[in-house]
Amino acid sequence: MKSVKSISGNRHPVLESIRHSPIATVVSDPRQTDNPLIAVNQAFLDLTGYDEDEVVGRNCRFLRGAKTETAQTEKLRVAIEQRTPTIAELVNYKKDGTQFRNAVMIAPLFDADGEIEYFVGSQIEIAKTEDSITAIRQQQAAALVDTLSPRQREILKLMAQGYRTKQIAYMLTLSEKTVQMHRMLLFKKLSTSNAADAVRIAVEAGI
């Protein structure tokens, strides 16, 4: 993941965590013209068939094609404009032209001053025999979130809204060490080891 390593400055922790996710995941920079991708993981390259140098620097709309649903792309556009997380199902296309149904999640990431810094997006290919992977995953995600304590749920919700550990600690009047402890516990309950997947579960669960 050369592109993640090349991002300079005080990086959001999710930027590092996407490399560990088995789910196809990308990071874009809405502060640049056309919100280009600045980092992708290997799972995304494997899913789409592209090489890293073919996608970094481009807007993710290159996955769209003739049968991509306008209503679903508009749902994603509005979420980006409003700086809010969302999930949508739409037809996308791989490099070789293969059509596939894609469950797409996007969520904002904010800097230490509360300004929009990045968007993280993940994709899951839906098997043709499945009616709605989103509905199934929403039920599974909700069941996982139900295992969290009220405090862990609060922290996960703020993570999904793009806030950092320091910001969450301030908002909940907790120490950073306490927030970090709750993060590790909620990761365990959600059966994940990274923030990127935890955020996706939160969005799927609708919190």
C-alpha atoms as a PDB file:
ATOM      1  CA  MET A   1       0.000   0.000   0.000  1.00  0.00           C
ATOM      2  CA  LYS A   2       2.529   2.529  -1.189  1.00  0.00           C
ATOM      3  CA  SER A   3      -0.062   5.281  -1.491  1.00  0.00           C
ATOM      4  CA  VAL A   4      -1.009   5.141   2.194  1.00  0.00           C
ATOM      5  CA  LYS A   5       2.622   5.369   3.209  1.00  0.00           C
ATOM      6  CA  SER A   6       3.104   8.417   1.009  1.00  0.00           C
ATOM      7  CA  ILE A   7       0.427  10.491   2.755  1.00  0.00           C
ATOM      8  CA  SER A   8       2.232  13.020   4.898  1.00  0.00           C
ATOM      9  CA  GLY A   9       1.254  14.901   8.022  1.00  0.00           C
ATOM     10  CA  ASN A  10      -0.842  13.908  11.013  1.00  0.00           C
ATOM     11  CA  ARG A  11      -2.698  10.994   9.458  1.00  0.00           C
ATOM     12  CA  HIS A  12      -6.130   9.829  10.562  1.00  0.00           C
ATOM     13  CA  PRO A  13      -5.758   6.346  12.147  1.00  0.00           C
ATOM     14  CA  VAL A  14      -8.208   4.798   9.660  1.00  0.00           C
ATOM     15  CA  LEU A  15      -5.704   5.531   6.891  1.00  0.00           C
ATOM     16  CA  GLU A  16      -3.312   3.011   8.373  1.00  0.00           C
ATOM     17  CA  SER A  17      -6.004   0.498   9.281  1.00  0.00           C
ATOM     18  CA  ILE A  18      -7.339  -0.031   5.740  1.00  0.00           C
ATOM     19  CA  ARG A  19      -4.235  -2.020   4.822  1.00  0.00           C
ATOM     20  CA  HIS A  20      -5.309  -4.662   7.355  1.00  0.00           C
ATOM     21  CA  SER A  21      -8.893  -4.930   6.096  1.00  0.00           C
ATOM     22  CA  PRO A  22      -9.919  -7.946   3.991  1.00  0.00           C
ATOM     23  CA  ILE A  23     -12.689  -5.734   2.573  1.00  0.00           C
ATOM     24  CA  ALA A  24     -11.977  -3.628  -0.515  1.00  0.00           C
ATOM     25  CA  THR A  25     -11.332  -0.144   0.878  1.00  0.00           C
ATOM     26  CA  VAL A  26     -10.262   3.247  -0.488  1.00  0.00           C
ATOM     27  CA  VAL A  27      -9.562   6.719   0.879  1.00  0.00           C
ATOM     28  CA  SER A  28     -10.323   9.917  -1.043  1.00  0.00           C
ATOM     29  CA  ASP A  29      -9.476  13.574  -0.431  1.00  0.00           C
ATOM     30  CA  PRO A  30     -12.555  15.842  -0.717  1.00  0.00           C
ATOM     31  CA  ARG A  31     -10.324  18.900  -0.265  1.00  0.00           C
ATOM     32  CA  GLN A  32      -8.872  18.310  -3.723  1.00  0.00           C
ATOM     33  CA  THR A  33     -10.701  18.949  -6.978  1.00  0.00           C
ATOM     34  CA  ASP A  34     -13.042  16.048  -7.832  1.00  0.00           C
ATOM     35  CA  ASN A  35     -12.364  14.156  -4.570  1.00  0.00           C
ATOM     36  CA  PRO A  36      -9.629  11.837  -5.948  1.00  0.00           C
ATOM     37  CA  LEU A  37      -8.528   8.530  -4.430  1.00  0.00           C
ATOM     38  CA  ILE A  38      -5.288   8.872  -2.483  1.00  0.00           C
ATOM     39  CA  ALA A  39      -5.048   5.342  -1.056  1.00  0.00           C
ATOM     40  CA  VAL A  40      -6.422   1.875  -1.847  1.00  0.00           C
ATOM     41  CA  ASN A  41      -5.818  -1.537  -0.343  1.00  0.00           C
ATOM     42  CA  GLN A  42      -4.967  -4.791  -2.067  1.00  0.00           C
ATOM     43  CA  ALA A  43      -8.501  -6.125  -1.617  1.00  0.00           C
ATOM     44  CA  PHE A  44      -9.813  -3.234  -3.742  1.00  0.00           C
ATOM     45  CA  LEU A  45      -7.284  -3.945  -6.487  1.00  0.00           C
ATOM     46  CA  ASP A  46      -8.182  -7.646  -6.414  1.00  0.00           C
ATOM     47  CA  LEU A  47     -11.909  -6.844  -6.615  1.00  0.00           C
ATOM     48  CA  THR A  48     -11.715  -4.368  -9.496  1.00  0.00           C
ATOM     49  CA  GLY A  49      -8.774  -5.740 -11.477  1.00  0.00           C
ATOM     50  CA  TYR A  50      -6.971  -2.392 -11.607  1.00  0.00           C
ATOM     51  CA  ASP A  51      -3.387  -1.629 -10.612  1.00  0.00           C
ATOM     52  CA  GLU A  52      -2.753   1.008  -7.963  1.00  0.00           C
ATOM     53  CA  ASP A  53      -1.245   3.524 -10.386  1.00  0.00           C
ATOM     54  CA  GLU A  54      -4.377   3.273 -12.551  1.00  0.00           C
ATOM     55  CA  VAL A  55      -6.747   4.393  -9.785  1.00  0.00           C
ATOM     56  CA  VAL A  56      -4.894   6.698  -7.373  1.00  0.00           C
ATOM     57  CA  GLY A  57      -5.597  10.290  -8.384  1.00  0.00           C
ATOM     58  CA  ARG A  58      -8.968   9.459  -9.972  1.00  0.00           C
ATOM     59  CA  ASN A  59     -12.511   9.892  -8.682  1.00  0.00           C
ATOM     60  CA  CYS A  60     -14.127   6.548  -7.844  1.00  0.00           C
ATOM     61  CA  ARG A  61     -16.796   7.096 -10.492  1.00  0.00           C
ATOM     62  CA  PHE A  62     -14.555   5.209 -12.957  1.00  0.00           C
ATOM     63  CA  LEU A  63     -16.312   2.086 -11.609  1.00  0.00           C
ATOM     64  CA  ARG A  64     -19.638   3.282 -12.998  1.00  0.00           C
ATOM     65  CA  GLY A  65     -21.115   2.289 -16.334  1.00  0.00           C
ATOM     66  CA  ALA A  66     -24.234   2.109 -18.474  1.00  0.00           C
ATOM     67  CA  LYS A  67     -26.376   0.253 -15.909  1.00  0.00           C
ATOM     68  CA  THR A  68     -25.230   2.101 -12.777  1.00  0.00           C
ATOM     69  CA  GLU A  69     -28.315   3.386 -10.961  1.00  0.00           C
ATOM     70  CA  THR A  70     -28.644   7.188 -10.858  1.00  0.00           C
ATOM     71  CA  ALA A  71     -30.589   7.177  -7.584  1.00  0.00           C
ATOM     72  CA  GLN A  72     -27.842   5.249  -5.785  1.00  0.00           C
ATOM     73  CA  THR A  73     -25.029   7.436  -7.109  1.00  0.00           C
ATOM     74  CA  GLU A  74     -27.039  10.496  -6.046  1.00  0.00           C
ATOM     75  CA  LYS A  75     -27.341   9.006  -2.544  1.00  0.00           C
ATOM     76  CA  LEU A  76     -23.558   8.774  -2.353  1.00  0.00           C
ATOM     77  CA  ARG A  77     -23.101  12.280  -3.795  1.00  0.00           C
ATOM     78  CA  VAL A  78     -25.418  13.828  -1.209  1.00  0.00           C
ATOM     79  CA  ALA A  79     -23.655  12.012   1.638  1.00  0.00           C
ATOM     80  CA  ILE A  80     -20.293  13.361   0.471  1.00  0.00           C
ATOM     81  CA  GLU A  81     -21.725  16.868   0.128  1.00  0.00           C
ATOM     82  CA  GLN A  82     -23.264  16.702   3.610  1.00  0.00           C
ATOM     83  CA  ARG A  83     -20.205  14.995   5.168  1.00  0.00           C
ATOM     84  CA  THR A  84     -22.256  12.074   6.489  1.00  0.00           C
ATOM     85  CA  PRO A  85     -21.826   8.274   6.311  1.00  0.00           C
ATOM     86  CA  THR A  86     -24.101   6.154   4.115  1.00  0.00           C
ATOM     87  CA  ILE A  87     -24.358   2.807   2.358  1.00  0.00           C
ATOM     88  CA  ALA A  88     -25.748   2.080  -1.109  1.00  0.00           C
ATOM     89  CA  GLU A  89     -26.084  -0.816  -3.559  1.00  0.00           C
ATOM     90  CA  LEU A  90     -25.334  -0.188  -7.207  1.00  0.00           C
ATOM     91  CA  VAL A  91     -24.033  -1.753 -10.400  1.00  0.00           C
ATOM     92  CA  ASN A  92     -20.312  -1.182 -10.989  1.00  0.00           C
ATOM     93  CA  TYR A  93     -17.812  -2.438 -13.559  1.00  0.00           C
ATOM     94  CA  LYS A  94     -14.392  -4.066 -13.216  1.00  0.00           C
ATOM     95  CA  LYS A  95     -11.432  -3.164 -15.414  1.00  0.00           C
ATOM     96  CA  ASP A  96     -12.246  -5.956 -17.879  1.00  0.00           C
ATOM     97  CA  GLY A  97     -15.830  -4.692 -18.215  1.00  0.00           C
ATOM     98  CA  THR A  98     -17.378  -7.321 -15.969  1.00  0.00           C
ATOM     99  CA  GLN A  99     -20.539  -5.996 -14.348  1.00  0.00           C
ATOM    100  CA  PHE A 100     -21.042  -6.615 -10.624  1.00  0.00           C
ATOM    101  CA  ARG A 101     -23.384  -5.444  -7.893  1.00  0.00           C
ATOM    102  CA  ASN A 102     -21.524  -3.458  -5.275  1.00  0.00           C
ATOM    103  CA  ALA A 103     -22.476  -2.702  -1.659  1.00  0.00           C
ATOM    104  CA  VAL A 104     -20.676   0.611  -1.123  1.00  0.00           C
ATOM    105  CA  MET A 105     -20.122   2.308   2.238  1.00  0.00           C
ATOM    106  CA  ILE A 106     -18.652   5.776   2.648  1.00  0.00           C
ATOM    107  CA  ALA A 107     -17.860   7.704   5.833  1.00  0.00           C
ATOM    108  CA  PRO A 108     -16.154  11.065   6.524  1.00  0.00           C
ATOM    109  CA  LEU A 109     -12.892  11.478   8.428  1.00  0.00           C
ATOM    110  CA  PHE A 110     -12.166  14.789  10.172  1.00  0.00           C
ATOM    111  CA  ASP A 111      -8.879  16.399  11.185  1.00  0.00           C
ATOM    112  CA  ALA A 112      -7.925  17.558  14.676  1.00  0.00           C
ATOM    113  CA  ASP A 113      -9.708  20.888  14.069  1.00  0.00           C
ATOM    114  CA  GLY A 114     -12.955  19.189  13.050  1.00  0.00           C
ATOM    115  CA  GLU A 115     -12.539  19.978   9.343  1.00  0.00           C
ATOM    116  CA  ILE A 116     -13.237  17.350   6.677  1.00  0.00           C
ATOM    117  CA  GLU A 117      -9.990  15.590   5.816  1.00  0.00           C
ATOM    118  CA  TYR A 118     -10.798  12.353   3.976  1.00  0.00           C
ATOM    119  CA  PHE A 119     -13.575   9.974   3.018  1.00  0.00           C
ATOM    120  CA  VAL A 120     -13.148   6.243   3.523  1.00  0.00           C
ATOM    121  CA  GLY A 121     -15.119   3.959   1.227  1.00  0.00           C
ATOM    122  CA  SER A 122     -15.461   0.196   1.114  1.00  0.00           C
ATOM    123  CA  GLN A 123     -16.995  -2.192  -1.397  1.00  0.00           C
ATOM    124  CA  ILE A 124     -18.409  -5.709  -1.175  1.00  0.00           C
ATOM    125  CA  GLU A 125     -19.356  -7.656  -4.288  1.00  0.00           C
ATOM    126  CA  ILE A 126     -22.859  -9.084  -4.065  1.00  0.00           C
ATOM    127  CA  ALA A 127     -23.475 -12.577  -5.419  1.00  0.00           C
ATOM    128  CA  LYS A 128     -26.161 -12.692  -8.120  1.00  0.00           C
ATOM    129  CA  THR A 129     -28.159 -15.212  -6.078  1.00  0.00           C
ATOM    130  CA  GLU A 130     -28.506 -12.796  -3.149  1.00  0.00           C
ATOM    131  CA  ASP A 131     -31.537 -10.505  -3.024  1.00  0.00           C
ATOM    132  CA  SER A 132     -29.935  -7.855  -0.839  1.00  0.00           C
ATOM    133  CA  ILE A 133     -26.575  -8.210   0.842  1.00  0.00           C
ATOM    134  CA  THR A 134     -27.162  -4.831   2.462  1.00  0.00           C
ATOM    135  CA  ALA A 135     -30.246  -6.053   4.336  1.00  0.00           C
ATOM    136  CA  ILE A 136     -28.445  -9.200   5.464  1.00  0.00           C
ATOM    137  CA  ARG A 137     -25.345  -7.328   6.574  1.00  0.00           C
ATOM    138  CA  GLN A 138     -27.430  -4.675   8.332  1.00  0.00           C
ATOM    139  CA  GLN A 139     -29.040  -7.387  10.451  1.00  0.00           C
ATOM    140  CA  GLN A 140     -25.667  -8.968  11.205  1.00  0.00           C
ATOM    141  CA  ALA A 141     -24.098  -5.605  12.026  1.00  0.00           C
ATOM    142  CA  ALA A 142     -26.986  -4.639  14.315  1.00  0.00           C
ATOM    143  CA  ALA A 143     -26.581  -7.908  16.199  1.00  0.00           C
ATOM    144  CA  LEU A 144     -22.870  -7.202  16.700  1.00  0.00           C
ATOM    145  CA  VAL A 145     -23.483  -3.628  17.845  1.00  0.00           C
ATOM    146  CA  ASP A 146     -26.062  -4.904  20.341  1.00  0.00           C
ATOM    147  CA  THR A 147     -23.226  -6.700  22.167  1.00  0.00           C
ATOM    148  CA  LEU A 148     -21.507  -3.378  22.930  1.00  0.00           C
ATOM    149  CA  SER A 149     -21.872  -1.476  26.176  1.00  0.00           C
ATOM    150  CA  PRO A 150     -23.572   1.950  25.958  1.00  0.00           C
ATOM    151  CA  ARG A 151     -20.170   3.676  26.202  1.00  0.00           C
ATOM    152  CA  GLN A 152     -18.633   1.498  23.499  1.00  0.00           C
ATOM    153  CA  ARG A 153     -21.618   2.203  21.281  1.00  0.00           C
ATOM    154  CA  GLU A 154     -21.149   5.959  21.807  1.00  0.00           C
ATOM    155  CA  ILE A 155     -17.496   5.690  20.858  1.00  0.00           C
ATOM    156  CA  LEU A 156     -18.235   3.583  17.776  1.00  0.00           C
ATOM    157  CA  LYS A 157     -20.875   6.083  16.651  1.00  0.00           C
ATOM    158  CA  LEU A 158     -18.390   8.958  16.905  1.00  0.00           C
ATOM    159  CA  MET A 159     -15.756   6.908  15.074  1.00  0.00           C
ATOM    160  CA  ALA A 160     -18.255   6.378  12.241  1.00  0.00           C
ATOM    161  CA  GLN A 161     -18.845  10.135  12.158  1.00  0.00           C
ATOM    162  CA  GLY A 162     -15.133  10.597  11.495  1.00  0.00           C
ATOM    163  CA  TYR A 163     -13.802  11.767  14.851  1.00  0.00           C
ATOM    164  CA  ARG A 164     -10.377  10.903  16.261  1.00  0.00           C
ATOM    165  CA  THR A 165      -9.603   9.407  19.663  1.00  0.00           C
ATOM    166  CA  LYS A 166      -8.591  12.779  21.113  1.00  0.00           C
ATOM    167  CA  GLN A 167     -11.779  14.421  19.858  1.00  0.00           C
ATOM    168  CA  ILE A 168     -13.945  11.569  21.167  1.00  0.00           C
ATOM    169  CA  ALA A 169     -12.268  11.805  24.572  1.00  0.00           C
ATOM    170  CA  TYR A 170     -13.039  15.532  24.719  1.00  0.00           C
ATOM    171  CA  MET A 171     -16.652  15.098  23.563  1.00  0.00           C
ATOM    172  CA  LEU A 172     -17.354  12.347  26.130  1.00  0.00           C
ATOM    173  CA  THR A 173     -15.201  13.916  28.888  1.00  0.00           C
ATOM    174  CA  LEU A 174     -13.017  10.820  29.088  1.00  0.00           C
ATOM    175  CA  SER A 175      -9.266  10.337  29.033  1.00  0.00           C
ATOM    176  CA  GLU A 176      -7.704   9.270  25.725  1.00  0.00           C
ATOM    177  CA  LYS A 177      -6.466   6.131  27.473  1.00  0.00           C
ATOM    178  CA  THR A 178     -10.036   5.225  28.449  1.00  0.00           C
ATOM    179  CA  VAL A 179     -11.277   5.766  24.892  1.00  0.00           C
ATOM    180  CA  GLN A 180      -8.449   3.617  23.548  1.00  0.00           C
ATOM    181  CA  MET A 181      -9.364   0.863  26.024  1.00  0.00           C
ATOM    182  CA  HIS A 182     -13.009   0.947  24.897  1.00  0.00           C
ATOM    183  CA  ARG A 183     -11.899   0.895  21.246  1.00  0.00           C
ATOM    184  CA  MET A 184      -9.921  -2.281  21.781  1.00  0.00           C
ATOM    185  CA  LEU A 185     -12.838  -3.916  23.608  1.00  0.00           C
ATOM    186  CA  LEU A 186     -15.345  -2.986  20.915  1.00  0.00           C
ATOM    187  CA  PHE A 187     -12.986  -4.250  18.206  1.00  0.00           C
ATOM    188  CA  LYS A 188     -12.956  -7.605  19.982  1.00  0.00           C
ATOM    189  CA  LYS A 189     -16.754  -7.712  20.268  1.00  0.00           C
ATOM    190  CA  LEU A 190     -17.129  -6.774  16.592  1.00  0.00           C
ATOM    191  CA  SER A 191     -14.632  -9.502  15.605  1.00  0.00           C
ATOM    192  CA  THR A 192     -12.317  -7.059  13.871  1.00  0.00           C
ATOM    193  CA  SER A 193      -8.869  -5.676  14.533  1.00  0.00           C
ATOM    194  CA  ASN A 194      -9.058  -2.380  12.669  1.00  0.00           C
ATOM    195  CA  ALA A 195     -10.983   0.877  12.660  1.00  0.00           C
ATOM    196  CA  ALA A 196     -11.961   0.748   8.977  1.00  0.00           C
ATOM    197  CA  ASP A 197     -14.007  -2.429   9.424  1.00  0.00           C
ATOM    198  CA  ALA A 198     -15.484  -1.166  12.712  1.00  0.00           C
ATOM    199  CA  VAL A 199     -16.704   1.966  10.922  1.00  0.00           C
ATOM    200  CA  ARG A 200     -18.327  -0.127   8.198  1.00  0.00           C
ATOM    201  CA  ILE A 201     -20.156  -2.224  10.802  1.00  0.00           C
ATOM    202  CA  ALA A 202     -21.388   0.966  12.477  1.00  0.00           C
ATOM    203  CA  VAL A 203     -22.719   2.369   9.204  1.00  0.00           C
ATOM    204  CA  GLU A 204     -24.345  -0.928   8.273  1.00  0.00           C
ATOM    205  CA  ALA A 205     -26.015  -1.048  11.696  1.00  0.00           C
ATOM    206  CA  GLY A 206     -27.321   2.468  11.182  1.00  0.00           C
ATOM    207  CA  ILE A 207     -25.800   4.049  14.275  1.00  0.00           C
END
